[in-house]
Amino acid sequence: MGEPKRFDAWINPLKFFALDEPSPSDSPVPSAEAFLEFFSLPGVPVDAGSLAKRYREIAPEPVALFIVPAEERILEKLVWPLRHAKAAYMVGNYLSTIALSGMVAEMVAVLLFDIAGVTVSNRPMTPKDQEALFGREFEKLDQYRRVEVLRAYGLIDNAAKSKFDLIRTIRRKYLHLWSQGQAQVASDAVSAYHLTLSLVVQAIRPEIKDRAFYLNPALLHYLETVGRCEAPNDAKASSP
């Protein structure tokens, strides 16, 4: 067997001992601080000052998402994952920020295609048409191909394409490459989050004008088709 070797190790790195260890039923529930410490990257301070510092690092956003439609798919696929990405950064979970940002960017690409009303032979493109033209349904393409299709159809400009590409590059090197180190992970997490947020805002295009909220007309049409948009006399959101 050869000579014994020594190495550093973490013992039970996935356990939350305050809950995993057998204890009397009347034992107190762990404190919120204990839970917060478990949520965070080991060694990252989670006192209020440190949390506030990291929030201020990611919070100076390039654009503001000041209003979003309260539609389930938009909230579940775009808004709440972005909020979780921001919170993950606060506790030093930078990989989660990158992963969630990449996921949201993929959802933005699918949303942009779905609401665009792309046609073929003067009729709406069907999933079978997508398969014939792209090799798969648009939603099932990889992100690189999705973005190429969006650009080819003029649904995004070169600036948006560059954002999609950079998010994908950041995500790939941390989530797919064993050789990638962590030296720049915090700054890359901020970049991925900010780029993704700007794409979400570009897709929704919220605007206040004449004391009314305006959205991307294509998105507004989508809300109408899913029954989440009405036109009462006192409507608060509309298309230009």
Protein backbone atom coordinates (compact mmCIF):
# COMPACT_ATOMS: atom_id res chain seq x y z
CA MET A 1 0.00 0.00 0.00
CA GLY A 2 3.02 2.29 0.29
CA GLU A 3 3.66 5.05 2.79
CA PRO A 4 0.62 6.83 4.30
CA LYS A 5 -0.13 10.24 2.81
CA ARG A 6 -1.46 13.39 4.38
CA PHE A 7 -3.90 15.82 2.81
CA ASP A 8 -6.21 18.60 3.91
CA ALA A 9 -9.90 17.72 4.03
CA TRP A 10 -13.37 19.03 4.86
CA ILE A 11 -15.38 16.69 7.06
CA ASN A 12 -19.12 16.47 6.23
CA PRO A 13 -19.08 19.64 4.07
CA LEU A 14 -22.77 19.28 3.15
CA LYS A 15 -24.17 18.91 6.65
CA PHE A 16 -25.99 21.60 8.62
CA PHE A 17 -25.09 20.17 12.01
CA ALA A 18 -27.61 22.24 13.93
CA LEU A 19 -30.35 20.28 12.16
CA ASP A 20 -28.60 17.04 11.16
CA GLU A 21 -27.40 15.99 14.59
CA PRO A 22 -29.94 14.09 16.72
CA SER A 23 -31.41 16.41 19.30
CA PRO A 24 -34.34 16.53 21.69
CA SER A 25 -37.60 17.59 20.07
CA ASP A 26 -37.74 20.67 22.25
CA SER A 27 -34.30 21.91 21.16
CA PRO A 28 -34.41 25.48 19.86
CA VAL A 29 -34.49 26.06 16.13
CA PRO A 30 -31.16 27.41 14.87
CA SER A 31 -30.86 31.17 14.59
CA ALA A 32 -31.36 33.03 11.32
CA GLU A 33 -27.64 33.79 11.41
CA ALA A 34 -26.85 30.07 11.50
CA PHE A 35 -29.00 29.47 8.44
CA LEU A 36 -27.39 32.42 6.68
CA GLU A 37 -23.93 31.02 7.40
CA PHE A 38 -24.94 27.70 5.84
CA PHE A 39 -26.29 29.48 2.74
CA SER A 40 -23.01 31.32 2.23
CA LEU A 41 -19.68 30.20 0.80
CA PRO A 42 -17.53 28.87 3.67
CA GLY A 43 -15.14 31.53 4.86
CA VAL A 44 -17.22 34.41 3.47
CA PRO A 45 -18.34 36.76 6.26
CA VAL A 46 -22.10 37.14 6.55
CA ASP A 47 -22.40 39.90 9.12
CA ALA A 48 -24.76 42.71 8.15
CA GLY A 49 -21.93 44.98 7.07
CA SER A 50 -20.46 42.36 4.71
CA LEU A 51 -23.86 41.55 3.21
CA ALA A 52 -24.50 45.24 2.62
CA LYS A 53 -21.07 45.66 1.03
CA ARG A 54 -21.66 42.87 -1.46
CA TYR A 55 -25.14 44.17 -2.22
CA ARG A 56 -23.64 47.55 -3.08
CA GLU A 57 -21.13 45.83 -5.36
CA ILE A 58 -23.84 44.31 -7.54
CA ALA A 59 -26.65 46.83 -7.08
CA PRO A 60 -25.41 49.70 -9.32
CA GLU A 61 -27.35 48.24 -12.24
CA PRO A 62 -26.93 49.60 -15.78
CA VAL A 63 -30.71 49.80 -16.26
CA ALA A 64 -33.65 49.63 -13.89
CA LEU A 65 -36.30 46.93 -13.98
CA PHE A 66 -38.82 49.16 -12.24
CA ILE A 67 -41.98 47.35 -13.35
CA VAL A 68 -42.78 43.90 -14.72
CA PRO A 69 -46.05 42.24 -15.69
CA ALA A 70 -47.31 39.98 -12.90
CA GLU A 71 -47.58 37.00 -15.24
CA GLU A 72 -46.49 33.65 -13.83
CA ARG A 73 -44.07 32.62 -16.57
CA ILE A 74 -42.34 36.00 -16.69
CA LEU A 75 -41.93 36.03 -12.92
CA GLU A 76 -40.82 32.39 -12.65
CA LYS A 77 -38.41 32.38 -15.61
CA LEU A 78 -37.02 35.92 -15.56
CA VAL A 79 -37.69 38.02 -12.48
CA TRP A 80 -37.37 35.76 -9.45
CA PRO A 81 -34.27 33.95 -10.78
CA LEU A 82 -32.62 37.36 -11.26
CA ARG A 83 -33.55 38.30 -7.71
CA HIS A 84 -32.09 35.01 -6.45
CA ALA A 85 -28.93 35.68 -8.50
CA LYS A 86 -28.56 39.02 -6.75
CA ALA A 87 -29.14 37.47 -3.33
CA ALA A 88 -26.66 34.68 -4.09
CA TYR A 89 -23.98 37.28 -4.73
CA MET A 90 -24.67 38.84 -1.34
CA VAL A 91 -23.78 35.58 0.45
CA GLY A 92 -20.74 34.97 -1.73
CA ASN A 93 -22.38 32.27 -3.85
CA TYR A 94 -20.97 33.70 -7.07
CA LEU A 95 -21.38 30.52 -9.10
CA SER A 96 -25.12 30.59 -8.43
CA THR A 97 -25.24 34.19 -9.65
CA ILE A 98 -23.55 33.14 -12.88
CA ALA A 99 -25.68 30.01 -13.31
CA LEU A 100 -28.96 31.82 -12.72
CA SER A 101 -27.95 34.70 -14.98
CA GLY A 102 -27.16 32.21 -17.75
CA MET A 103 -30.51 30.50 -17.26
CA VAL A 104 -32.40 33.80 -17.44
CA ALA A 105 -30.51 34.79 -20.60
CA GLU A 106 -31.67 31.53 -22.20
CA MET A 107 -35.26 32.27 -21.20
CA VAL A 108 -35.01 35.79 -22.66
CA ALA A 109 -33.91 34.33 -25.99
CA VAL A 110 -36.88 31.95 -26.06
CA LEU A 111 -39.29 34.71 -25.03
CA LEU A 112 -38.05 37.07 -27.76
CA PHE A 113 -38.62 34.42 -30.40
CA ASP A 114 -42.02 33.41 -29.05
CA ILE A 115 -43.43 36.94 -28.92
CA ALA A 116 -41.99 37.99 -32.28
CA GLY A 117 -44.64 36.19 -34.30
CA VAL A 118 -42.11 34.82 -36.80
CA THR A 119 -43.82 33.64 -40.00
CA VAL A 120 -43.01 31.31 -42.85
CA SER A 121 -44.89 31.45 -46.16
CA ASN A 122 -47.08 34.22 -44.69
CA ARG A 123 -48.29 32.10 -41.78
CA PRO A 124 -47.14 31.68 -38.17
CA MET A 125 -44.15 29.38 -37.87
CA THR A 126 -45.07 26.06 -36.30
CA PRO A 127 -42.82 23.79 -34.20
CA LYS A 128 -42.51 21.52 -37.25
CA ASP A 129 -41.38 24.50 -39.34
CA GLN A 130 -38.78 25.30 -36.69
CA GLU A 131 -37.53 21.71 -36.78
CA ALA A 132 -37.27 21.79 -40.55
CA LEU A 133 -35.46 25.15 -40.62
CA PHE A 134 -33.27 24.98 -37.48
CA GLY A 135 -32.90 21.23 -36.93
CA ARG A 136 -34.89 21.44 -33.68
CA GLU A 137 -37.66 23.51 -32.19
CA PHE A 138 -36.24 26.90 -31.27
CA GLU A 139 -36.66 26.28 -27.54
CA LYS A 140 -34.61 23.06 -27.79
CA LEU A 141 -31.65 24.64 -29.60
CA ASP A 142 -28.47 25.38 -27.69
CA GLN A 143 -28.05 29.01 -26.67
CA TYR A 144 -25.41 29.78 -29.30
CA ARG A 145 -27.77 28.67 -32.08
CA ARG A 146 -30.75 30.48 -30.56
CA VAL A 147 -28.86 33.76 -30.53
CA GLU A 148 -27.69 33.24 -34.11
CA VAL A 149 -31.30 32.68 -35.19
CA LEU A 150 -32.51 35.77 -33.33
CA ARG A 151 -29.87 37.88 -35.04
CA ALA A 152 -30.58 36.37 -38.47
CA TYR A 153 -34.26 37.27 -38.14
CA GLY A 154 -33.45 40.78 -36.94
CA LEU A 155 -35.02 40.19 -33.54
CA ILE A 156 -31.91 41.46 -31.74
CA ASP A 157 -29.18 43.88 -32.76
CA ASN A 158 -25.43 43.35 -32.61
CA ALA A 159 -25.19 44.93 -29.16
CA ALA A 160 -27.73 42.48 -27.71
CA LYS A 161 -26.04 39.57 -29.48
CA SER A 162 -22.73 40.56 -27.86
CA LYS A 163 -24.40 40.53 -24.44
CA PHE A 164 -25.89 37.08 -25.01
CA ASP A 165 -22.52 35.80 -26.21
CA LEU A 166 -20.61 37.20 -23.24
CA ILE A 167 -23.06 35.74 -20.72
CA ARG A 168 -22.74 32.36 -22.40
CA THR A 169 -18.94 32.60 -22.35
CA ILE A 170 -18.87 33.46 -18.64
CA ARG A 171 -21.30 30.69 -17.80
CA ARG A 172 -19.43 28.11 -19.86
CA LYS A 173 -16.02 28.69 -18.34
CA TYR A 174 -17.25 28.37 -14.75
CA LEU A 175 -19.94 25.71 -15.16
CA HIS A 176 -18.30 23.50 -17.79
CA LEU A 177 -14.52 23.82 -17.50
CA TRP A 178 -12.73 22.02 -14.67
CA SER A 179 -9.60 24.07 -15.36
CA GLN A 180 -11.27 27.43 -14.69
CA GLY A 181 -10.07 29.06 -11.48
CA GLN A 182 -12.04 31.34 -9.16
CA ALA A 183 -9.82 34.42 -9.06
CA GLN A 184 -12.21 36.54 -11.14
CA VAL A 185 -15.46 34.81 -10.24
CA ALA A 186 -16.93 37.73 -8.24
CA SER A 187 -16.39 40.31 -10.97
CA ASP A 188 -17.60 37.85 -13.63
CA ALA A 189 -20.73 37.23 -11.55
CA VAL A 190 -21.47 40.96 -11.46
CA SER A 191 -20.91 41.21 -15.22
CA ALA A 192 -23.18 38.24 -15.97
CA TYR A 193 -25.94 39.62 -13.73
CA HIS A 194 -25.77 43.13 -15.19
CA LEU A 195 -25.70 41.90 -18.79
CA THR A 196 -28.66 39.60 -18.17
CA LEU A 197 -30.64 42.32 -16.44
CA SER A 198 -30.12 44.63 -19.41
CA LEU A 199 -31.47 41.94 -21.76
CA VAL A 200 -34.55 41.44 -19.57
CA VAL A 201 -35.22 45.17 -19.55
CA GLN A 202 -34.74 45.30 -23.31
CA ALA A 203 -37.28 42.50 -23.76
CA ILE A 204 -39.88 44.09 -21.47
CA ARG A 205 -39.08 47.71 -22.42
CA PRO A 206 -40.85 49.32 -19.44
CA GLU A 207 -41.44 53.04 -19.78
CA ILE A 208 -43.46 55.71 -18.01
CA LYS A 209 -45.01 58.33 -20.24
CA ASP A 210 -47.95 60.67 -19.57
CA ARG A 211 -48.52 59.00 -16.20
CA ALA A 212 -49.01 55.59 -17.86
CA PHE A 213 -46.86 52.49 -18.04
CA TYR A 214 -45.80 51.25 -21.47
CA LEU A 215 -44.38 47.86 -22.41
CA ASN A 216 -42.92 46.20 -25.47
CA PRO A 217 -45.98 45.90 -27.78
CA ALA A 218 -45.04 42.32 -28.67
CA LEU A 219 -44.93 41.42 -24.99
CA LEU A 220 -48.26 43.14 -24.43
CA HIS A 221 -49.76 41.01 -27.19
CA TYR A 222 -48.35 37.92 -25.45
CA LEU A 223 -50.06 39.00 -22.22
CA GLU A 224 -53.31 39.33 -24.12
CA THR A 225 -53.01 35.83 -25.56
CA VAL A 226 -52.47 34.31 -22.11
CA GLY A 227 -55.37 36.27 -20.64
CA ARG A 228 -53.26 38.53 -18.44
CA CYS A 229 -54.00 41.87 -20.08
CA GLU A 230 -57.29 43.76 -20.24
CA ALA A 231 -58.29 47.14 -21.60
CA PRO A 232 -60.43 48.82 -18.93
CA ASN A 233 -61.02 52.56 -19.10
CA ASP A 234 -58.44 53.13 -16.38
CA ALA A 235 -55.81 50.79 -17.87
CA LYS A 236 -52.38 51.31 -16.31
CA ALA A 237 -50.35 49.53 -18.95
CA SER A 238 -50.53 49.74 -22.72
CA SER A 239 -48.49 49.76 -25.89
CA PRO A 240 -47.48 53.04 -27.58
